Amino acid sequence: TGGWAHSGATTEDMLDGVAADGPMDADALVL
């Protein structure tokens, strides 16, 4: 149902992206 991804992203980029979106409405998070 969605998620966050960006080519070349570091974990810092990922954290910024996920934190900006807030909690996810999902049953599982694949990291």
PDB file of all heavy atoms in Angstrom:
ATOM      1  N   THR A   1       0.796  -1.227   0.000  1.00  0.00           N
ATOM      2  CA  THR A   1       0.000   0.000   0.000  1.00  0.00           C
ATOM      3  C   THR A   1       0.825   1.271   0.000  1.00  0.00           C
ATOM      4  O   THR A   1       0.287   2.353   0.095  1.00  0.00           O
ATOM      5  CB  THR A   1      -0.939   0.019   1.221  1.00  0.00           C
ATOM      6  OG1 THR A   1      -0.142  -0.052   2.410  1.00  0.00           O
ATOM      7  CG2 THR A   1      -1.916  -1.138   1.171  1.00  0.00           C
ATOM      8  N   GLY A   2       2.119   1.161  -0.078  1.00  0.00           N
ATOM      9  CA  GLY A   2       2.914   2.378  -0.104  1.00  0.00           C
ATOM     10  C   GLY A   2       4.218   2.178   0.613  1.00  0.00           C
ATOM     11  O   GLY A   2       4.638   1.065   0.894  1.00  0.00           O
ATOM     12  N   GLY A   3       4.839   3.274   0.911  1.00  0.00           N
ATOM     13  CA  GLY A   3       6.116   3.210   1.595  1.00  0.00           C
ATOM     14  C   GLY A   3       6.965   4.389   1.189  1.00  0.00           C
ATOM     15  O   GLY A   3       6.475   5.378   0.640  1.00  0.00           O
ATOM     16  N   TRP A   4       8.247   4.255   1.465  1.00  0.00           N
ATOM     17  CA  TRP A   4       9.166   5.328   1.147  1.00  0.00           C
ATOM     18  C   TRP A   4      10.396   4.721   0.503  1.00  0.00           C
ATOM     19  O   TRP A   4      10.976   3.765   1.021  1.00  0.00           O
ATOM     20  CB  TRP A   4       9.565   6.084   2.407  1.00  0.00           C
ATOM     21  CG  TRP A   4      10.302   7.347   2.109  1.00  0.00           C
ATOM     22  CD1 TRP A   4       9.748   8.593   2.006  1.00  0.00           C
ATOM     23  CD2 TRP A   4      11.695   7.501   1.832  1.00  0.00           C
ATOM     24  NE1 TRP A   4      10.723   9.512   1.677  1.00  0.00           N
ATOM     25  CE2 TRP A   4      11.938   8.863   1.570  1.00  0.00           C
ATOM     26  CE3 TRP A   4      12.762   6.629   1.761  1.00  0.00           C
ATOM     27  CZ2 TRP A   4      13.186   9.378   1.261  1.00  0.00           C
ATOM     28  CZ3 TRP A   4      14.017   7.124   1.448  1.00  0.00           C
ATOM     29  CH2 TRP A   4      14.219   8.490   1.210  1.00  0.00           C
ATOM     30  N   ALA A   5      10.786   5.256  -0.625  1.00  0.00           N
ATOM     31  CA  ALA A   5      11.995   4.802  -1.306  1.00  0.00           C
ATOM     32  C   ALA A   5      12.530   5.942  -2.155  1.00  0.00           C
ATOM     33  O   ALA A   5      11.765   6.775  -2.650  1.00  0.00           O
ATOM     34  CB  ALA A   5      11.700   3.598  -2.185  1.00  0.00           C
ATOM     35  N   HIS A   6      13.845   5.966  -2.297  1.00  0.00           N
ATOM     36  CA  HIS A   6      14.489   6.975  -3.128  1.00  0.00           C
ATOM     37  C   HIS A   6      15.828   6.411  -3.561  1.00  0.00           C
ATOM     38  O   HIS A   6      16.610   5.949  -2.722  1.00  0.00           O
ATOM     39  CB  HIS A   6      14.678   8.268  -2.338  1.00  0.00           C
ATOM     40  CG  HIS A   6      15.259   9.380  -3.137  1.00  0.00           C
ATOM     41  ND1 HIS A   6      16.599   9.491  -3.412  1.00  0.00           N
ATOM     42  CD2 HIS A   6      14.682  10.444  -3.731  1.00  0.00           C
ATOM     43  CE1 HIS A   6      16.816  10.562  -4.133  1.00  0.00           C
ATOM     44  NE2 HIS A   6      15.672  11.163  -4.347  1.00  0.00           N
ATOM     45  N   SER A   7      16.102   6.452  -4.829  1.00  0.00           N
ATOM     46  CA  SER A   7      17.364   5.943  -5.346  1.00  0.00           C
ATOM     47  C   SER A   7      18.534   6.670  -4.699  1.00  0.00           C
ATOM     48  O   SER A   7      18.546   7.904  -4.612  1.00  0.00           O
ATOM     49  CB  SER A   7      17.406   6.142  -6.868  1.00  0.00           C
ATOM     50  OG  SER A   7      18.635   5.708  -7.378  1.00  0.00           O
ATOM     51  N   GLY A   8      19.503   5.905  -4.210  1.00  0.00           N
ATOM     52  CA  GLY A   8      20.685   6.489  -3.591  1.00  0.00           C
ATOM     53  C   GLY A   8      20.502   6.912  -2.153  1.00  0.00           C
ATOM     54  O   GLY A   8      21.419   7.500  -1.552  1.00  0.00           O
ATOM     55  N   ALA A   9      19.356   6.635  -1.566  1.00  0.00           N
ATOM     56  CA  ALA A   9      19.063   7.102  -0.213  1.00  0.00           C
ATOM     57  C   ALA A   9      19.920   6.397   0.837  1.00  0.00           C
ATOM     58  O   ALA A   9      20.151   5.195   0.774  1.00  0.00           O
ATOM     59  CB  ALA A   9      17.592   6.890   0.115  1.00  0.00           C
ATOM     60  N   THR A  10      20.370   7.169   1.791  1.00  0.00           N
ATOM     61  CA  THR A  10      21.021   6.627   2.980  1.00  0.00           C
ATOM     62  C   THR A  10      19.952   6.432   4.049  1.00  0.00           C
ATOM     63  O   THR A  10      18.806   6.882   3.892  1.00  0.00           O
ATOM     64  CB  THR A  10      22.092   7.594   3.514  1.00  0.00           C
ATOM     65  OG1 THR A  10      21.444   8.808   3.926  1.00  0.00           O
ATOM     66  CG2 THR A  10      23.158   7.879   2.453  1.00  0.00           C
ATOM     67  N   THR A  11      20.332   5.808   5.149  1.00  0.00           N
ATOM     68  CA  THR A  11      19.365   5.651   6.235  1.00  0.00           C
ATOM     69  C   THR A  11      18.968   7.011   6.809  1.00  0.00           C
ATOM     70  O   THR A  11      17.850   7.173   7.295  1.00  0.00           O
ATOM     71  CB  THR A  11      19.915   4.739   7.344  1.00  0.00           C
ATOM     72  OG1 THR A  11      21.215   5.193   7.748  1.00  0.00           O
ATOM     73  CG2 THR A  11      19.992   3.289   6.878  1.00  0.00           C
ATOM     74  N   GLU A  12      19.850   7.994   6.733  1.00  0.00           N
ATOM     75  CA  GLU A  12      19.482   9.340   7.184  1.00  0.00           C
ATOM     76  C   GLU A  12      18.383   9.918   6.290  1.00  0.00           C
ATOM     77  O   GLU A  12      17.405  10.499   6.787  1.00  0.00           O
ATOM     78  CB  GLU A  12      20.700  10.263   7.188  1.00  0.00           C
ATOM     79  CG  GLU A  12      20.397  11.646   7.727  1.00  0.00           C
ATOM     80  CD  GLU A  12      21.625  12.534   7.850  1.00  0.00           C
ATOM     81  OE1 GLU A  12      22.721  12.124   7.416  1.00  0.00           O
ATOM     82  OE2 GLU A  12      21.475  13.639   8.383  1.00  0.00           O
ATOM     83  N   ASP A  13      18.515   9.738   4.981  1.00  0.00           N
ATOM     84  CA  ASP A  13      17.473  10.191   4.051  1.00  0.00           C
ATOM     85  C   ASP A  13      16.157   9.467   4.332  1.00  0.00           C
ATOM     86  O   ASP A  13      15.087  10.078   4.311  1.00  0.00           O
ATOM     87  CB  ASP A  13      17.879   9.917   2.600  1.00  0.00           C
ATOM     88  CG  ASP A  13      19.132  10.657   2.175  1.00  0.00           C
ATOM     89  OD1 ASP A  13      19.361  11.790   2.639  1.00  0.00           O
ATOM     90  OD2 ASP A  13      19.898  10.073   1.358  1.00  0.00           O
ATOM     91  N   MET A  14      16.262   8.172   4.567  1.00  0.00           N
ATOM     92  CA  MET A  14      15.060   7.375   4.841  1.00  0.00           C
ATOM     93  C   MET A  14      14.366   7.854   6.109  1.00  0.00           C
ATOM     94  O   MET A  14      13.141   7.993   6.142  1.00  0.00           O
ATOM     95  CB  MET A  14      15.424   5.899   4.955  1.00  0.00           C
ATOM     96  CG  MET A  14      15.919   5.296   3.660  1.00  0.00           C
ATOM     97  SD  MET A  14      16.513   3.606   3.867  1.00  0.00           S
ATOM     98  CE  MET A  14      14.953   2.745   3.964  1.00  0.00           C
ATOM     99  N   LEU A  15      15.156   8.090   7.142  1.00  0.00           N
ATOM    100  CA  LEU A  15      14.580   8.566   8.399  1.00  0.00           C
ATOM    101  C   LEU A  15      13.878   9.899   8.191  1.00  0.00           C
ATOM    102  O   LEU A  15      12.752  10.090   8.662  1.00  0.00           O
ATOM    103  CB  LEU A  15      15.668   8.688   9.470  1.00  0.00           C
ATOM    104  CG  LEU A  15      15.226   9.269  10.804  1.00  0.00           C
ATOM    105  CD1 LEU A  15      14.083   8.470  11.420  1.00  0.00           C
ATOM    106  CD2 LEU A  15      16.408   9.350  11.760  1.00  0.00           C
ATOM    107  N   ASP A  16      14.511  10.807   7.480  1.00  0.00           N
ATOM    108  CA  ASP A  16      13.878  12.102   7.209  1.00  0.00           C
ATOM    109  C   ASP A  16      12.561  11.919   6.468  1.00  0.00           C
ATOM    110  O   ASP A  16      11.560  12.559   6.794  1.00  0.00           O
ATOM    111  CB  ASP A  16      14.815  12.998   6.392  1.00  0.00           C
ATOM    112  CG  ASP A  16      16.028  13.479   7.170  1.00  0.00           C
ATOM    113  OD1 ASP A  16      16.038  13.364   8.422  1.00  0.00           O
ATOM    114  OD2 ASP A  16      16.988  13.960   6.521  1.00  0.00           O
ATOM    115  N   GLY A  17      12.547  11.042   5.457  1.00  0.00           N
ATOM    116  CA  GLY A  17      11.343  10.820   4.667  1.00  0.00           C
ATOM    117  C   GLY A  17      10.221  10.176   5.456  1.00  0.00           C
ATOM    118  O   GLY A  17       9.064  10.597   5.388  1.00  0.00           O
ATOM    119  N   VAL A  18      10.553   9.150   6.224  1.00  0.00           N
ATOM    120  CA  VAL A  18       9.532   8.447   7.013  1.00  0.00           C
ATOM    121  C   VAL A  18       9.028   9.341   8.136  1.00  0.00           C
ATOM    122  O   VAL A  18       7.827   9.398   8.400  1.00  0.00           O
ATOM    123  CB  VAL A  18      10.083   7.105   7.541  1.00  0.00           C
ATOM    124  CG1 VAL A  18       9.110   6.461   8.521  1.00  0.00           C
ATOM    125  CG2 VAL A  18      10.363   6.150   6.377  1.00  0.00           C
ATOM    126  N   ALA A  19       9.931  10.050   8.795  1.00  0.00           N
ATOM    127  CA  ALA A  19       9.521  10.933   9.891  1.00  0.00           C
ATOM    128  C   ALA A  19       8.604  12.040   9.386  1.00  0.00           C
ATOM    129  O   ALA A  19       7.646  12.419  10.071  1.00  0.00           O
ATOM    130  CB  ALA A  19      10.748  11.511  10.585  1.00  0.00           C
ATOM    131  N   ALA A  20       8.877  12.550   8.188  1.00  0.00           N
ATOM    132  CA  ALA A  20       8.037  13.612   7.632  1.00  0.00           C
ATOM    133  C   ALA A  20       6.630  13.117   7.323  1.00  0.00           C
ATOM    134  O   ALA A  20       5.660  13.872   7.438  1.00  0.00           O
ATOM    135  CB  ALA A  20       8.681  14.179   6.366  1.00  0.00           C
ATOM    136  N   ASP A  21       6.519  11.846   6.937  1.00  0.00           N
ATOM    137  CA  ASP A  21       5.214  11.279   6.600  1.00  0.00           C
ATOM    138  C   ASP A  21       4.425  10.860   7.828  1.00  0.00           C
ATOM    139  O   ASP A  21       3.220  10.686   7.764  1.00  0.00           O
ATOM    140  CB  ASP A  21       5.377  10.068   5.677  1.00  0.00           C
ATOM    141  CG  ASP A  21       5.849  10.460   4.290  1.00  0.00           C
ATOM    142  OD1 ASP A  21       5.739  11.648   3.936  1.00  0.00           O
ATOM    143  OD2 ASP A  21       6.338   9.568   3.565  1.00  0.00           O
ATOM    144  N   GLY A  22       5.087  10.658   8.941  1.00  0.00           N
ATOM    145  CA  GLY A  22       4.412  10.237  10.163  1.00  0.00           C
ATOM    146  C   GLY A  22       4.096   8.759  10.157  1.00  0.00           C
ATOM    147  O   GLY A  22       4.503   8.017   9.256  1.00  0.00           O
ATOM    148  N   PRO A  23       3.361   8.294  11.164  1.00  0.00           N
ATOM    149  CA  PRO A  23       3.046   6.867  11.273  1.00  0.00           C
ATOM    150  C   PRO A  23       2.370   6.331  10.012  1.00  0.00           C
ATOM    151  O   PRO A  23       1.604   7.030   9.353  1.00  0.00           O
ATOM    152  CB  PRO A  23       2.099   6.803  12.467  1.00  0.00           C
ATOM    153  CG  PRO A  23       2.441   8.012  13.280  1.00  0.00           C
ATOM    154  CD  PRO A  23       2.821   9.067  12.267  1.00  0.00           C
ATOM    155  N   MET A  24       2.707   5.091   9.697  1.00  0.00           N
ATOM    156  CA  MET A  24       2.157   4.443   8.500  1.00  0.00           C
ATOM    157  C   MET A  24       0.978   3.561   8.887  1.00  0.00           C
ATOM    158  O   MET A  24       0.972   2.959   9.960  1.00  0.00           O
ATOM    159  CB  MET A  24       3.231   3.576   7.833  1.00  0.00           C
ATOM    160  CG  MET A  24       4.394   4.359   7.302  1.00  0.00           C
ATOM    161  SD  MET A  24       5.624   3.234   6.576  1.00  0.00           S
ATOM    162  CE  MET A  24       6.784   4.424   5.931  1.00  0.00           C
ATOM    163  N   ASP A  25       0.006   3.495   8.008  1.00  0.00           N
ATOM    164  CA  ASP A  25      -1.136   2.616   8.198  1.00  0.00           C
ATOM    165  C   ASP A  25      -0.819   1.312   7.479  1.00  0.00           C
ATOM    166  O   ASP A  25      -1.129   1.150   6.292  1.00  0.00           O
ATOM    167  CB  ASP A  25      -2.403   3.268   7.629  1.00  0.00           C
ATOM    168  CG  ASP A  25      -3.628   2.403   7.838  1.00  0.00           C
ATOM    169  OD1 ASP A  25      -3.624   1.554   8.748  1.00  0.00           O
ATOM    170  OD2 ASP A  25      -4.598   2.581   7.071  1.00  0.00           O
ATOM    171  N   ALA A  26      -0.147   0.398   8.183  1.00  0.00           N
ATOM    172  CA  ALA A  26       0.309  -0.845   7.564  1.00  0.00           C
ATOM    173  C   ALA A  26       0.421  -1.935   8.620  1.00  0.00           C
ATOM    174  O   ALA A  26       0.503  -1.644   9.816  1.00  0.00           O
ATOM    175  CB  ALA A  26       1.660  -0.634   6.887  1.00  0.00           C
ATOM    176  N   ASP A  27       0.444  -3.156   8.155  1.00  0.00           N
ATOM    177  CA  ASP A  27       0.632  -4.294   9.041  1.00  0.00           C
ATOM    178  C   ASP A  27       2.101  -4.655   9.204  1.00  0.00           C
ATOM    179  O   ASP A  27       2.489  -5.266  10.196  1.00  0.00           O
ATOM    180  CB  ASP A  27      -0.121  -5.519   8.509  1.00  0.00           C
ATOM    181  CG  ASP A  27      -1.620  -5.296   8.475  1.00  0.00           C
ATOM    182  OD1 ASP A  27      -2.157  -4.689   9.423  1.00  0.00           O
ATOM    183  OD2 ASP A  27      -2.253  -5.723   7.492  1.00  0.00           O
ATOM    184  N   ALA A  28       2.905  -4.314   8.205  1.00  0.00           N
ATOM    185  CA  ALA A  28       4.327  -4.660   8.254  1.00  0.00           C
ATOM    186  C   ALA A  28       5.145  -3.574   7.573  1.00  0.00           C
ATOM    187  O   ALA A  28       4.713  -2.962   6.599  1.00  0.00           O
ATOM    188  CB  ALA A  28       4.572  -6.003   7.569  1.00  0.00           C
ATOM    189  N   LEU A  29       6.321  -3.374   8.099  1.00  0.00           N
ATOM    190  CA  LEU A  29       7.310  -2.464   7.526  1.00  0.00           C
ATOM    191  C   LEU A  29       8.490  -3.310   7.087  1.00  0.00           C
ATOM    192  O   LEU A  29       9.061  -4.038   7.889  1.00  0.00           O
ATOM    193  CB  LEU A  29       7.770  -1.445   8.571  1.00  0.00           C
ATOM    194  CG  LEU A  29       8.950  -0.551   8.180  1.00  0.00           C
ATOM    195  CD1 LEU A  29       8.562   0.403   7.053  1.00  0.00           C
ATOM    196  CD2 LEU A  29       9.459   0.219   9.401  1.00  0.00           C
ATOM    197  N   VAL A  30       8.837  -3.230   5.811  1.00  0.00           N
ATOM    198  CA  VAL A  30      10.018  -3.915   5.300  1.00  0.00           C
ATOM    199  C   VAL A  30      11.133  -2.889   5.178  1.00  0.00           C
ATOM    200  O   VAL A  30      10.990  -1.901   4.454  1.00  0.00           O
ATOM    201  CB  VAL A  30       9.748  -4.581   3.927  1.00  0.00           C
ATOM    202  CG1 VAL A  30      11.015  -5.240   3.405  1.00  0.00           C
ATOM    203  CG2 VAL A  30       8.609  -5.585   4.039  1.00  0.00           C
ATOM    204  N   LEU A  31      12.206  -3.130   5.890  1.00  0.00           N
ATOM    205  CA  LEU A  31      13.364  -2.238   5.847  1.00  0.00           C
ATOM    206  C   LEU A  31      14.491  -2.928   5.091  1.00  0.00           C
ATOM    207  O   LEU A  31      14.970  -3.980   5.502  1.00  0.00           O
ATOM    208  CB  LEU A  31      13.851  -1.922   7.260  1.00  0.00           C
ATOM    209  CG  LEU A  31      13.092  -0.870   8.051  1.00  0.00           C
ATOM    210  CD1 LEU A  31      13.603  -0.805   9.485  1.00  0.00           C
ATOM    211  CD2 LEU A  31      13.203   0.482   7.389  1.00  0.00           C
TER     212      LEU A  31
END
